[in-house]
């Protein structure tokens, strides 16, 4: 079972990295949308 522990650890690490990256991308997309909407409101003369 020696090599299976490395495979399991790599699998878990891969999922952790993917989930962390997904959270990062989601936060960046949310910030980009907020900046876009505020710029759009400024061009239209909104609040």
C-alpha atoms as a PDB file:
ATOM      1  CA  UNK A   1       0.000   0.000   0.000  1.00  0.00           C
ATOM      2  CA  UNK A   2       3.028   2.284  -0.142  1.00  0.00           C
ATOM      3  CA  UNK A   3       2.415   3.848  -3.532  1.00  0.00           C
ATOM      4  CA  UNK A   4      -1.342   4.135  -3.019  1.00  0.00           C
ATOM      5  CA  UNK A   5      -0.812   6.607  -0.203  1.00  0.00           C
ATOM      6  CA  UNK A   6       1.046   8.879  -2.636  1.00  0.00           C
ATOM      7  CA  UNK A   7      -1.675   8.468  -5.253  1.00  0.00           C
ATOM      8  CA  UNK A   8      -4.359   9.319  -2.694  1.00  0.00           C
ATOM      9  CA  UNK A   9      -2.388  12.308  -1.431  1.00  0.00           C
ATOM     10  CA  UNK A  10      -1.849  13.582  -4.982  1.00  0.00           C
ATOM     11  CA  UNK A  11      -5.539  13.129  -5.772  1.00  0.00           C
ATOM     12  CA  UNK A  12      -6.557  15.048  -2.658  1.00  0.00           C
ATOM     13  CA  UNK A  13      -4.033  17.789  -3.327  1.00  0.00           C
ATOM     14  CA  UNK A  14      -5.249  18.130  -6.906  1.00  0.00           C
ATOM     15  CA  UNK A  15      -8.837  18.588  -5.768  1.00  0.00           C
ATOM     16  CA  UNK A  16      -7.794  21.094  -3.108  1.00  0.00           C
ATOM     17  CA  UNK A  17      -5.887  23.145  -5.677  1.00  0.00           C
ATOM     18  CA  UNK A  18      -8.763  23.016  -8.168  1.00  0.00           C
ATOM     19  CA  UNK A  19     -11.289  24.111  -5.557  1.00  0.00           C
ATOM     20  CA  UNK A  20      -9.009  26.926  -4.414  1.00  0.00           C
ATOM     21  CA  UNK A  21      -8.527  28.118  -7.968  1.00  0.00           C
ATOM     22  CA  UNK A  22     -12.274  27.986  -8.623  1.00  0.00           C
ATOM     23  CA  UNK A  23     -12.882  30.154  -5.548  1.00  0.00           C
ATOM     24  CA  UNK A  24     -10.204  32.596  -6.737  1.00  0.00           C
ATOM     25  CA  UNK A  25     -11.679  32.838 -10.237  1.00  0.00           C
ATOM     26  CA  UNK A  26     -15.178  33.314  -8.831  1.00  0.00           C
ATOM     27  CA  UNK A  27     -14.013  36.162  -6.597  1.00  0.00           C
ATOM     28  CA  UNK A  28     -12.165  37.838  -9.466  1.00  0.00           C
ATOM     29  CA  UNK A  29     -15.198  37.519 -11.746  1.00  0.00           C
ATOM     30  CA  UNK A  30     -17.432  39.031  -9.065  1.00  0.00           C
ATOM     31  CA  UNK A  31     -15.025  41.955  -8.646  1.00  0.00           C
ATOM     32  CA  UNK A  32     -14.756  42.467 -12.403  1.00  0.00           C
ATOM     33  CA  UNK A  33     -18.548  42.510 -12.718  1.00  0.00           C
ATOM     34  CA  UNK A  34     -18.835  45.072  -9.917  1.00  0.00           C
ATOM     35  CA  UNK A  35     -16.211  47.298 -11.551  1.00  0.00           C
ATOM     36  CA  UNK A  36     -17.924  46.974 -14.917  1.00  0.00           C
ATOM     37  CA  UNK A  37     -21.317  47.881 -13.489  1.00  0.00           C
ATOM     38  CA  UNK A  38     -19.909  50.885 -11.626  1.00  0.00           C
ATOM     39  CA  UNK A  39     -18.128  52.099 -14.769  1.00  0.00           C
ATOM     40  CA  UNK A  40     -21.299  51.592 -16.789  1.00  0.00           C
ATOM     41  CA  UNK A  41     -23.304  53.573 -14.233  1.00  0.00           C
ATOM     42  CA  UNK A  42     -20.715  56.368 -14.325  1.00  0.00           C
ATOM     43  CA  UNK A  43     -20.959  56.584 -18.110  1.00  0.00           C
ATOM     44  CA  UNK A  44     -24.739  56.677 -17.951  1.00  0.00           C
ATOM     45  CA  UNK A  45     -24.660  59.275 -15.200  1.00  0.00           C
ATOM     46  CA  UNK A  46     -26.133  57.044 -12.541  1.00  0.00           C
ATOM     47  CA  UNK A  47     -25.358  56.920  -8.815  1.00  0.00           C
END
